[in-house]
Each structure stands twice: as structure tokens, then as C-alpha cells.
Protein backbone atom coordinates (compact mmCIF):
# COMPACT_ATOMS: atom_id res chain seq x y z
CA UNK A 1 0.00 0.00 0.00
CA UNK A 2 2.75 2.44 0.99
CA UNK A 3 4.92 1.41 -1.97
CA UNK A 4 2.13 1.93 -4.49
CA UNK A 5 1.11 5.31 -3.04
CA UNK A 6 4.57 6.58 -2.14
CA UNK A 7 4.43 9.36 -4.76
CA UNK A 8 1.41 10.90 -3.00
CA UNK A 9 2.85 10.34 0.48
CA UNK A 10 6.12 11.95 -0.59
CA UNK A 11 4.36 15.01 -2.04
CA UNK A 12 2.34 15.41 1.18
CA UNK A 13 5.53 15.15 3.26
CA UNK A 14 7.24 17.82 1.15
CA UNK A 15 4.27 20.19 1.53
CA UNK A 16 4.06 19.54 5.28
CA UNK A 17 7.81 20.00 5.86
CA UNK A 18 7.87 23.20 3.78
CA UNK A 19 4.90 24.61 5.68
CA UNK A 20 6.46 23.78 9.05
CA UNK A 21 9.89 25.17 8.13
CA UNK A 22 8.43 28.40 6.76
CA UNK A 23 6.70 29.03 10.09
CA UNK A 24 9.76 28.04 12.11
CA UNK A 25 11.90 30.33 9.94
CA UNK A 26 9.55 33.22 10.67
CA UNK A 27 9.90 32.67 14.42
CA UNK A 28 13.69 32.36 14.12
CA UNK A 29 13.81 35.64 12.18
CA UNK A 30 11.84 37.39 14.92
CA UNK A 31 14.12 36.04 17.65
CA UNK A 32 17.29 36.94 15.76
CA UNK A 33 16.11 40.48 15.05
CA UNK A 34 14.46 41.12 18.42
CA UNK A 35 15.94 38.78 21.08
CA UNK A 36 13.91 40.50 23.80
CA UNK A 37 10.59 40.47 21.93
CA UNK A 38 7.83 39.13 24.18
CA UNK A 39 4.75 39.57 22.00
CA UNK A 40 5.48 37.47 18.94
CA UNK A 41 1.93 37.94 17.66
CA UNK A 42 2.62 41.63 17.07
CA UNK A 43 3.75 40.33 13.67
CA UNK A 44 0.54 38.41 13.03
CA UNK A 45 -0.30 40.29 9.80
CA UNK A 46 2.74 39.26 7.73
CA UNK A 47 2.60 35.79 9.32
CA UNK A 48 -1.06 35.47 8.34
CA UNK A 49 -0.30 36.67 4.80
CA UNK A 50 2.36 34.00 4.27
CA UNK A 51 0.23 31.18 5.73
CA UNK A 52 -3.24 32.01 4.50
CA UNK A 53 -2.59 33.74 1.19
CA UNK A 54 0.87 33.17 -0.29
CA UNK A 55 1.52 29.52 0.59
CA UNK A 56 -1.93 28.21 -0.47
CA UNK A 57 -1.73 30.35 -3.63
CA UNK A 58 1.64 28.80 -4.49
CA UNK A 59 0.18 25.33 -4.07
CA UNK A 60 -2.82 26.20 -6.23
CA UNK A 61 -0.52 27.48 -8.98
CA UNK A 62 1.25 24.12 -9.09
CA UNK A 63 4.56 24.66 -7.32
CA UNK A 64 4.38 21.06 -6.05
CA UNK A 65 3.04 19.54 -9.26
CA UNK A 66 5.36 16.78 -10.43
CA UNK A 67 7.80 17.32 -7.54
CA UNK A 68 7.89 13.56 -6.93
CA UNK A 69 9.87 12.96 -10.13
CA UNK A 70 11.62 16.34 -10.17
CA UNK A 71 15.40 16.31 -9.86
CA UNK A 72 17.05 18.04 -6.91
CA UNK A 73 18.49 20.70 -9.25
CA UNK A 74 15.01 21.51 -10.56
CA UNK A 75 13.69 21.69 -7.01
CA UNK A 76 16.41 24.19 -6.10
CA UNK A 77 15.40 26.35 -9.05
CA UNK A 78 11.81 26.23 -7.80
CA UNK A 79 12.96 27.25 -4.32
CA UNK A 80 14.79 30.27 -5.73
CA UNK A 81 11.66 31.35 -7.59
CA UNK A 82 9.57 30.66 -4.50
CA UNK A 83 11.84 32.85 -2.36
CA UNK A 84 11.89 35.62 -4.96
CA UNK A 85 8.10 35.79 -5.18
CA UNK A 86 7.74 35.41 -1.42
CA UNK A 87 9.96 38.48 -0.99
CA UNK A 88 8.14 40.43 -3.70
CA UNK A 89 4.64 39.70 -2.44
CA UNK A 90 5.45 40.08 1.26
CA UNK A 91 7.12 43.46 0.74
CA UNK A 92 4.24 44.55 -1.50
CA UNK A 93 1.74 43.44 1.13
CA UNK A 94 3.50 45.42 3.87
CA UNK A 95 3.55 48.45 1.59
CA UNK A 96 -0.17 48.16 0.84
CA UNK A 97 -1.16 47.90 4.51
CA UNK A 98 1.27 50.71 5.37
CA UNK A 99 3.04 48.35 7.74
CA UNK A 100 5.83 50.72 8.74
CA UNK A 101 5.77 49.25 12.24
CA UNK A 102 7.07 45.96 10.89
CA UNK A 103 10.83 45.64 10.63
CA UNK A 104 12.09 44.96 7.11
CA UNK A 105 15.04 43.26 8.77
CA UNK A 106 12.72 40.54 10.05
CA UNK A 107 11.48 39.90 6.52
CA UNK A 108 15.00 39.73 5.07
CA UNK A 109 16.23 37.35 7.78
CA UNK A 110 13.08 35.26 7.31
CA UNK A 111 13.69 34.96 3.56
CA UNK A 112 17.29 33.85 4.02
CA UNK A 113 16.52 31.38 6.81
CA UNK A 114 13.57 29.78 5.01
CA UNK A 115 15.53 29.41 1.77
CA UNK A 116 18.44 27.57 3.38
CA UNK A 117 16.11 25.52 5.59
CA UNK A 118 14.00 24.44 2.61
CA UNK A 119 17.07 23.68 0.48
CA UNK A 120 18.50 21.41 3.18
CA UNK A 121 15.11 19.73 3.71
CA UNK A 122 14.61 19.14 -0.02
CA UNK A 123 18.11 17.69 -0.33
CA UNK A 124 17.44 15.23 2.50
CA UNK A 125 13.98 14.33 1.16
CA UNK A 126 15.31 13.88 -2.37
CA UNK A 127 18.01 11.49 -1.14
CA UNK A 128 15.40 9.56 0.82
CA UNK A 129 13.14 9.43 -2.23
CA UNK A 130 15.91 8.13 -4.51
CA UNK A 131 16.89 5.54 -1.93
CA UNK A 132 13.31 4.28 -1.66
CA UNK A 133 13.01 4.37 -5.46
CA UNK A 134 15.63 1.66 -5.66
CA UNK A 135 13.57 -0.43 -3.25
CA UNK A 136 10.47 -0.13 -5.41
CA UNK A 137 8.67 2.74 -3.64
CA UNK A 138 6.58 4.88 -5.99
CA UNK A 139 7.95 3.59 -9.27
CA UNK A 140 5.77 3.58 -12.35
CA UNK A 141 5.83 -0.01 -13.60
CA UNK A 142 5.72 0.00 -17.39
CA UNK A 143 5.62 -2.35 -20.36
CA UNK A 144 7.19 -1.45 -23.69
CA UNK A 145 5.53 -2.84 -26.81
CA UNK A 146 8.26 -3.43 -29.37
CA UNK A 147 11.52 -5.34 -29.53
CA UNK A 148 13.54 -3.62 -32.26
CA UNK A 149 16.26 -0.99 -31.98
CA UNK A 150 13.64 1.78 -31.71
CA UNK A 151 12.22 0.16 -28.58
CA UNK A 152 15.74 -0.24 -27.19
CA UNK A 153 16.55 3.43 -27.83
CA UNK A 154 13.28 4.49 -26.20
CA UNK A 155 13.99 2.42 -23.07
CA UNK A 156 17.46 3.96 -22.81
CA UNK A 157 15.99 7.44 -23.31
CA UNK A 158 13.44 6.75 -20.57
CA UNK A 159 16.16 5.74 -18.13
CA UNK A 160 18.36 8.73 -18.98
CA UNK A 161 15.56 11.24 -18.46
CA UNK A 162 13.69 9.77 -15.50
CA UNK A 163 16.13 7.41 -13.83
CA UNK A 164 14.31 5.07 -11.47
CA UNK A 165 10.92 6.78 -11.84
CA UNK A 166 9.93 4.36 -14.62
CA UNK A 167 10.68 0.71 -13.92
CA UNK A 168 10.54 -1.35 -17.11
CA UNK A 169 9.01 -4.73 -16.26
CA UNK A 170 9.54 -6.18 -19.73
CA UNK A 171 9.03 -5.94 -23.48
CA UNK A 172 6.13 -7.21 -25.56
CA UNK A 173 6.99 -8.96 -28.84
CA UNK A 174 4.97 -8.68 -32.04
CA UNK A 175 5.76 -12.14 -33.34
CA UNK A 176 8.72 -11.13 -35.49
CA UNK A 177 11.63 -13.58 -35.30
CA UNK A 178 14.29 -10.88 -35.05
CA UNK A 179 14.69 -8.84 -31.88
CA UNK A 180 17.37 -6.48 -30.60
CA UNK A 181 19.93 -8.68 -28.79
CA UNK A 182 19.76 -6.50 -25.65
CA UNK A 183 15.95 -6.83 -25.52
CA UNK A 184 15.52 -10.54 -26.29
CA UNK A 185 16.20 -11.75 -22.70
CA UNK A 186 13.59 -9.31 -21.35
CA UNK A 187 10.65 -10.27 -23.60
CA UNK A 188 7.86 -11.42 -21.29
CA UNK A 189 4.97 -11.98 -23.69
CA UNK A 190 3.03 -11.18 -26.82
CA UNK A 191 0.13 -8.82 -27.52
CA UNK A 192 -2.55 -11.23 -26.27
CA UNK A 193 -0.64 -11.72 -23.00
CA UNK A 194 -0.95 -8.07 -21.93
CA UNK A 195 -4.38 -8.72 -20.37
CA UNK A 196 -2.74 -11.04 -17.81
CA UNK A 197 0.59 -9.24 -17.53
CA UNK A 198 -0.92 -5.96 -16.30
CA UNK A 199 -2.28 -7.30 -12.97
CA UNK A 200 0.57 -9.79 -12.56
CA UNK A 201 3.28 -7.13 -12.67
CA UNK A 202 1.23 -4.20 -11.32
CA UNK A 203 1.61 -2.23 -14.54
CA UNK A 204 0.84 1.50 -14.40
CA UNK A 205 1.57 2.45 -18.00
CA UNK A 206 2.14 0.85 -21.41
CA UNK A 207 4.27 2.44 -24.14
CA UNK A 208 3.76 1.36 -27.74
CA UNK A 209 6.83 2.10 -29.86
CA UNK A 210 5.29 2.53 -33.31
CA UNK A 211 4.49 5.07 -36.01
CA UNK A 212 0.76 4.52 -35.52
CA UNK A 213 -1.11 3.21 -32.49
CA UNK A 214 -4.33 2.94 -34.51
CA UNK A 215 -3.29 -0.24 -36.28
CA UNK A 216 -5.69 -3.11 -35.57
CA UNK A 217 -2.91 -5.34 -34.30
CA UNK A 218 -2.72 -3.15 -31.18
CA UNK A 219 -6.41 -3.72 -30.32
CA UNK A 220 -5.65 -6.42 -27.70
CA UNK A 221 -3.27 -4.03 -25.95
CA UNK A 222 -5.66 -1.07 -26.01
CA UNK A 223 -8.54 -3.24 -24.79
CA UNK A 224 -6.43 -4.69 -21.96
CA UNK A 225 -5.30 -1.22 -20.84
CA UNK A 226 -8.86 0.10 -20.97
CA UNK A 227 -10.11 -2.88 -18.97
CA UNK A 228 -7.55 -2.38 -16.20
CA UNK A 229 -7.60 1.44 -16.26
CA UNK A 230 -3.97 1.65 -17.37
CA UNK A 231 -2.59 4.52 -19.43
CA UNK A 232 -1.35 3.59 -22.91
CA UNK A 233 0.87 5.93 -24.94
CA UNK A 234 2.33 5.76 -28.41
CA UNK A 235 5.90 6.86 -29.03
CA UNK A 236 7.71 6.87 -32.34
């Protein structure tokens, strides 16, 4: 259950950790700027803006969309953009409410602390995610229909781009006697076998390496995918 739904669990953990660290960073900024400050809630307006408006808005605009398969470098780029817009919108908000009583130093310290805290957290979470990937957590199990050099090149391309995100469970032959030597040992069935292979291997997606997926010979594959609710894509 956890393995199959790890991608959703991981995304939730990232959102939760980010939300917690942003709030902790705000408190740290207040303590660093005003060590003797007793009434922390004097800064409730900018705190409320970040928690109720900016953070939910960022989520709604898709900042966490696809983060499960995003590389650490891409995540760092997102964090830089996140920090930039957080600074822009927070400063603009304070200007609009004429918040001269709020120290700009607190905001600047907050931005720096939250950026480094989030970068460290994302690095740790990304390492954890990659480690669990190799143990089968959250992988997309796929079948590749095709056994020629085009199918081989596609499988290599898939691994180069997505690493462990797609786990190739095997190749489906079309009855031709000649197959790419590297693929031959990994052929696990023919077109009519896909109906049984999908539940047996827990397949999430099927790739058909062909110039046209509309050919009638692919009907057994399309029907099997439709029956099991599995995505089927054509690549050429």
C-alpha cells in the first residue's frame, strides 16, 4: 500500500515539511532580530499573509506539481523562484497595509533562513526518495511494446531522463523472429498476454513504440489497458 502510493505520500511530506519550516523560519527571524521580543503575535499580519494567502496560492498554482519525479536541481530552481516571489509579495503586502511598524530586517532574515532551511530539507527528502526508489517505492511499472532498436533506444531514453521513476518490467513482442539482442532476454509476452501481464506485474503504464497506435494489431493491448484502467501511450 505504501509502496504503491509513495508518490502521494512523498508530495504530502514535502508540503508539510515546507509549511512547518516556513513558520519556524519566521519565528527564528523574529528572535534573531528582536531577542527581547515578548509579544510574537505583534507580527501576526505578515505571518497570516504567508500562511493564508501566499503559501496556499503557491500550491494552487502548481509549485508542487510533479515534484515527486523532479530532480534536486530543478527543485532548487523552484525554491529560488519561491523565495523571490515570497519576498516580492510580502514586501508589497506590507507596503499596501502601510506596515511601517514591521521591521524589514525581520522579513530579510526570514527569507534567508527559510531558503536555506528548505534547500537542506529538499536535499534530504530527495536522497530519501531516490533511496526508496531503488527499493520499489513509488515507481511507475511499465511495459514497452516493441523489440527492435527503436524500442531499445526508447527504453534507454526513458532511463536517462527519468532514472528510477519508470521501472521497465519487460518488453512485448509482435511475433517477429528478429529482436534487438539486448531486448531478447527481457521479452515477457506477446500482444494477447498483456491482459494477464498488467495485474501480474502491477503495470501502471504501457508504451507502444510505433508510427501509428491505430493499427488493428494493437487492439488487444488497447482493450487490456482500458479494462484495467492503465494509461497507454504511443511513441515513435
